[in-house]
N, C-alpha and C. Protein backbone atom coordinates (compact mmCIF):
# COMPACT_ATOMS: atom_id res chain seq x y z
N UNK A 1 0.84 -1.19 0.00
CA UNK A 1 0.00 0.00 0.00
C UNK A 1 0.89 1.25 0.00
N UNK A 2 0.63 2.13 -0.94
CA UNK A 2 1.42 3.35 -1.06
C UNK A 2 0.97 4.35 0.00
N UNK A 3 1.93 4.90 0.71
CA UNK A 3 1.64 5.89 1.75
C UNK A 3 2.82 6.86 1.84
N UNK A 4 2.67 7.89 2.66
CA UNK A 4 3.76 8.84 2.86
C UNK A 4 5.00 8.06 3.30
N UNK A 5 6.13 8.35 2.68
CA UNK A 5 7.38 7.66 2.97
C UNK A 5 7.68 6.51 2.03
N UNK A 6 6.67 6.03 1.30
CA UNK A 6 6.89 4.94 0.35
C UNK A 6 7.78 5.39 -0.80
N UNK A 7 8.51 4.45 -1.35
CA UNK A 7 9.32 4.71 -2.54
C UNK A 7 8.52 4.21 -3.74
N UNK A 8 8.37 5.07 -4.75
CA UNK A 8 7.55 4.73 -5.90
C UNK A 8 8.24 5.10 -7.21
N UNK A 9 7.81 4.45 -8.27
CA UNK A 9 8.24 4.81 -9.62
C UNK A 9 7.08 5.55 -10.26
N UNK A 10 7.37 6.70 -10.86
CA UNK A 10 6.38 7.43 -11.64
C UNK A 10 6.27 6.69 -12.97
N UNK A 11 5.28 5.80 -13.05
CA UNK A 11 5.24 4.79 -14.10
C UNK A 11 4.42 5.16 -15.33
N UNK A 12 3.43 6.02 -15.18
CA UNK A 12 2.52 6.31 -16.29
C UNK A 12 2.17 7.79 -16.27
N UNK A 13 2.15 8.40 -17.45
CA UNK A 13 1.86 9.82 -17.57
C UNK A 13 0.35 10.07 -17.51
N UNK A 14 -0.10 10.93 -16.60
CA UNK A 14 -1.52 11.29 -16.58
C UNK A 14 -1.89 12.09 -17.84
N UNK A 15 -3.07 11.85 -18.35
CA UNK A 15 -3.51 12.55 -19.56
C UNK A 15 -3.64 14.05 -19.32
N UNK A 16 -4.00 14.45 -18.11
CA UNK A 16 -4.19 15.87 -17.83
C UNK A 16 -2.90 16.69 -17.91
N UNK A 17 -1.74 16.02 -17.93
CA UNK A 17 -0.46 16.73 -18.04
C UNK A 17 -0.39 17.50 -19.36
N UNK A 18 -1.05 16.99 -20.40
CA UNK A 18 -1.07 17.65 -21.71
C UNK A 18 -1.59 19.09 -21.63
N UNK A 19 -2.39 19.39 -20.63
CA UNK A 19 -3.00 20.71 -20.50
C UNK A 19 -2.14 21.69 -19.70
N UNK A 20 -1.05 21.22 -19.16
CA UNK A 20 -0.17 22.08 -18.35
C UNK A 20 0.72 22.95 -19.25
N UNK A 21 1.28 24.01 -18.68
CA UNK A 21 2.25 24.82 -19.44
C UNK A 21 3.45 23.97 -19.87
N UNK A 22 4.13 24.42 -20.92
CA UNK A 22 5.24 23.67 -21.51
C UNK A 22 6.29 23.24 -20.48
N UNK A 23 6.74 24.16 -19.64
CA UNK A 23 7.79 23.82 -18.68
C UNK A 23 7.32 22.74 -17.71
N UNK A 24 6.08 22.80 -17.27
CA UNK A 24 5.54 21.78 -16.37
C UNK A 24 5.47 20.43 -17.07
N UNK A 25 5.07 20.41 -18.33
CA UNK A 25 5.04 19.15 -19.10
C UNK A 25 6.44 18.56 -19.19
N UNK A 26 7.44 19.41 -19.39
CA UNK A 26 8.82 18.95 -19.47
C UNK A 26 9.28 18.32 -18.15
N UNK A 27 8.87 18.91 -17.04
CA UNK A 27 9.22 18.36 -15.72
C UNK A 27 8.61 16.97 -15.56
N UNK A 28 7.32 16.83 -15.86
CA UNK A 28 6.66 15.53 -15.75
C UNK A 28 7.34 14.50 -16.66
N UNK A 29 7.66 14.89 -17.88
CA UNK A 29 8.32 13.98 -18.82
C UNK A 29 9.68 13.55 -18.30
N UNK A 30 10.43 14.48 -17.73
CA UNK A 30 11.75 14.17 -17.17
C UNK A 30 11.63 13.16 -16.03
N UNK A 31 10.59 13.28 -15.23
CA UNK A 31 10.41 12.42 -14.05
C UNK A 31 9.85 11.04 -14.39
N UNK A 32 9.21 10.90 -15.54
CA UNK A 32 8.59 9.63 -15.91
C UNK A 32 9.62 8.50 -15.90
N UNK A 33 9.28 7.42 -15.21
CA UNK A 33 10.15 6.26 -15.12
C UNK A 33 11.15 6.30 -13.98
N UNK A 34 11.26 7.44 -13.31
CA UNK A 34 12.21 7.58 -12.20
C UNK A 34 11.55 7.22 -10.87
N UNK A 35 12.39 6.98 -9.89
CA UNK A 35 11.93 6.58 -8.57
C UNK A 35 12.06 7.73 -7.59
N UNK A 36 11.01 7.93 -6.79
CA UNK A 36 10.96 9.02 -5.81
C UNK A 36 10.29 8.55 -4.53
N UNK A 37 10.48 9.31 -3.47
CA UNK A 37 9.81 9.06 -2.20
C UNK A 37 8.56 9.92 -2.13
N UNK A 38 7.49 9.34 -1.56
CA UNK A 38 6.25 10.10 -1.33
C UNK A 38 6.48 10.99 -0.12
N UNK A 39 6.42 12.30 -0.33
CA UNK A 39 6.62 13.26 0.75
C UNK A 39 5.38 13.34 1.63
N UNK A 40 4.21 13.29 0.99
CA UNK A 40 2.94 13.39 1.71
C UNK A 40 1.81 13.06 0.77
N UNK A 41 0.62 12.96 1.31
CA UNK A 41 -0.59 12.86 0.53
C UNK A 41 -1.35 14.15 0.82
N UNK A 42 -1.62 14.95 -0.22
CA UNK A 42 -2.21 16.26 0.02
C UNK A 42 -3.71 16.17 0.31
N UNK A 43 -4.33 17.30 0.60
CA UNK A 43 -5.74 17.32 1.00
C UNK A 43 -6.68 16.86 -0.11
N UNK A 44 -6.22 16.87 -1.36
CA UNK A 44 -7.03 16.40 -2.48
C UNK A 44 -6.80 14.90 -2.75
N UNK A 45 -5.94 14.26 -1.94
CA UNK A 45 -5.65 12.85 -2.10
C UNK A 45 -4.57 12.55 -3.13
N UNK A 46 -3.87 13.58 -3.59
CA UNK A 46 -2.79 13.39 -4.55
C UNK A 46 -1.50 13.04 -3.82
N UNK A 47 -0.70 12.18 -4.44
CA UNK A 47 0.57 11.78 -3.86
C UNK A 47 1.63 12.79 -4.28
N UNK A 48 2.31 13.35 -3.30
CA UNK A 48 3.31 14.39 -3.53
C UNK A 48 4.67 13.72 -3.61
N UNK A 49 5.26 13.76 -4.83
CA UNK A 49 6.58 13.17 -5.04
C UNK A 49 7.63 14.25 -4.90
N UNK A 50 8.61 14.02 -4.07
CA UNK A 50 9.72 14.96 -3.91
C UNK A 50 10.69 14.73 -5.06
N UNK A 51 10.62 15.58 -6.07
CA UNK A 51 11.48 15.46 -7.25
C UNK A 51 12.60 16.48 -7.25
N UNK A 52 12.81 17.14 -6.13
CA UNK A 52 13.77 18.25 -6.06
C UNK A 52 15.20 17.85 -6.42
N UNK A 53 15.61 16.64 -6.09
CA UNK A 53 16.97 16.20 -6.40
C UNK A 53 17.24 16.27 -7.89
N UNK A 54 16.29 15.87 -8.70
CA UNK A 54 16.44 15.90 -10.16
C UNK A 54 16.06 17.24 -10.76
N UNK A 55 14.98 17.81 -10.31
CA UNK A 55 14.37 18.95 -10.99
C UNK A 55 14.97 20.29 -10.61
N UNK A 56 15.34 20.50 -9.36
CA UNK A 56 15.87 21.80 -8.95
C UNK A 56 17.05 22.23 -9.81
N UNK A 57 17.99 21.34 -10.01
CA UNK A 57 19.18 21.72 -10.79
C UNK A 57 18.91 21.70 -12.29
N UNK A 58 18.00 20.88 -12.75
CA UNK A 58 17.71 20.75 -14.18
C UNK A 58 16.83 21.90 -14.70
N UNK A 59 15.82 22.30 -13.89
CA UNK A 59 14.85 23.28 -14.34
C UNK A 59 14.82 24.55 -13.50
N UNK A 60 15.53 24.54 -12.38
CA UNK A 60 15.51 25.69 -11.49
C UNK A 60 14.45 25.53 -10.41
N UNK A 61 14.45 26.47 -9.51
CA UNK A 61 13.50 26.40 -8.40
C UNK A 61 14.12 25.73 -7.19
N UNK A 62 13.29 25.52 -6.19
CA UNK A 62 13.76 24.97 -4.92
C UNK A 62 12.67 24.09 -4.33
N UNK A 63 13.05 22.87 -3.93
CA UNK A 63 12.12 21.92 -3.33
C UNK A 63 10.92 21.62 -4.23
N UNK A 64 11.20 21.36 -5.50
CA UNK A 64 10.13 21.03 -6.45
C UNK A 64 9.48 19.70 -6.10
N UNK A 65 8.18 19.61 -6.40
CA UNK A 65 7.46 18.36 -6.27
C UNK A 65 6.47 18.25 -7.42
N UNK A 66 5.99 17.02 -7.65
CA UNK A 66 4.87 16.82 -8.56
C UNK A 66 3.82 16.05 -7.78
N UNK A 67 2.56 16.20 -8.20
CA UNK A 67 1.44 15.59 -7.50
C UNK A 67 0.62 14.79 -8.48
N UNK A 68 0.44 13.50 -8.18
CA UNK A 68 -0.28 12.61 -9.08
C UNK A 68 -1.16 11.64 -8.28
N UNK A 69 -2.10 11.05 -8.99
CA UNK A 69 -2.95 10.03 -8.41
C UNK A 69 -2.19 8.71 -8.31
N UNK A 70 -2.63 7.83 -7.42
CA UNK A 70 -1.96 6.55 -7.17
C UNK A 70 -1.88 5.68 -8.42
N UNK A 71 -2.84 5.78 -9.32
CA UNK A 71 -2.87 4.92 -10.50
C UNK A 71 -1.68 5.13 -11.44
N UNK A 72 -0.94 6.21 -11.26
CA UNK A 72 0.21 6.50 -12.12
C UNK A 72 1.54 6.10 -11.47
N UNK A 73 1.45 5.45 -10.32
CA UNK A 73 2.64 5.08 -9.54
C UNK A 73 2.74 3.58 -9.37
N UNK A 74 3.97 3.09 -9.23
CA UNK A 74 4.23 1.71 -8.87
C UNK A 74 5.11 1.72 -7.63
N UNK A 75 4.69 1.00 -6.61
CA UNK A 75 5.50 0.94 -5.39
C UNK A 75 6.77 0.15 -5.64
N UNK A 76 7.88 0.64 -5.13
CA UNK A 76 9.18 -0.01 -5.23
C UNK A 76 9.51 -0.59 -3.86
N UNK A 77 9.67 -1.88 -3.81
CA UNK A 77 9.93 -2.53 -2.52
C UNK A 77 11.40 -2.76 -2.29
């Protein structure tokens, strides 16, 4: 069961990502297939992936995260 602290692979791209701004789409594409830790589950039930290690230096910003539904994740044991 995926929960805060679990290690997951961002396995499948959500269709709604197509509607995001170009830079956000690039971030999601970069993260696809990579493994991250779940930082938290937000109030909307989305899983918050801490992608800052990869994304901060690649795209700029600080403490970047992405938020996705469980169906797009695979738990890594």
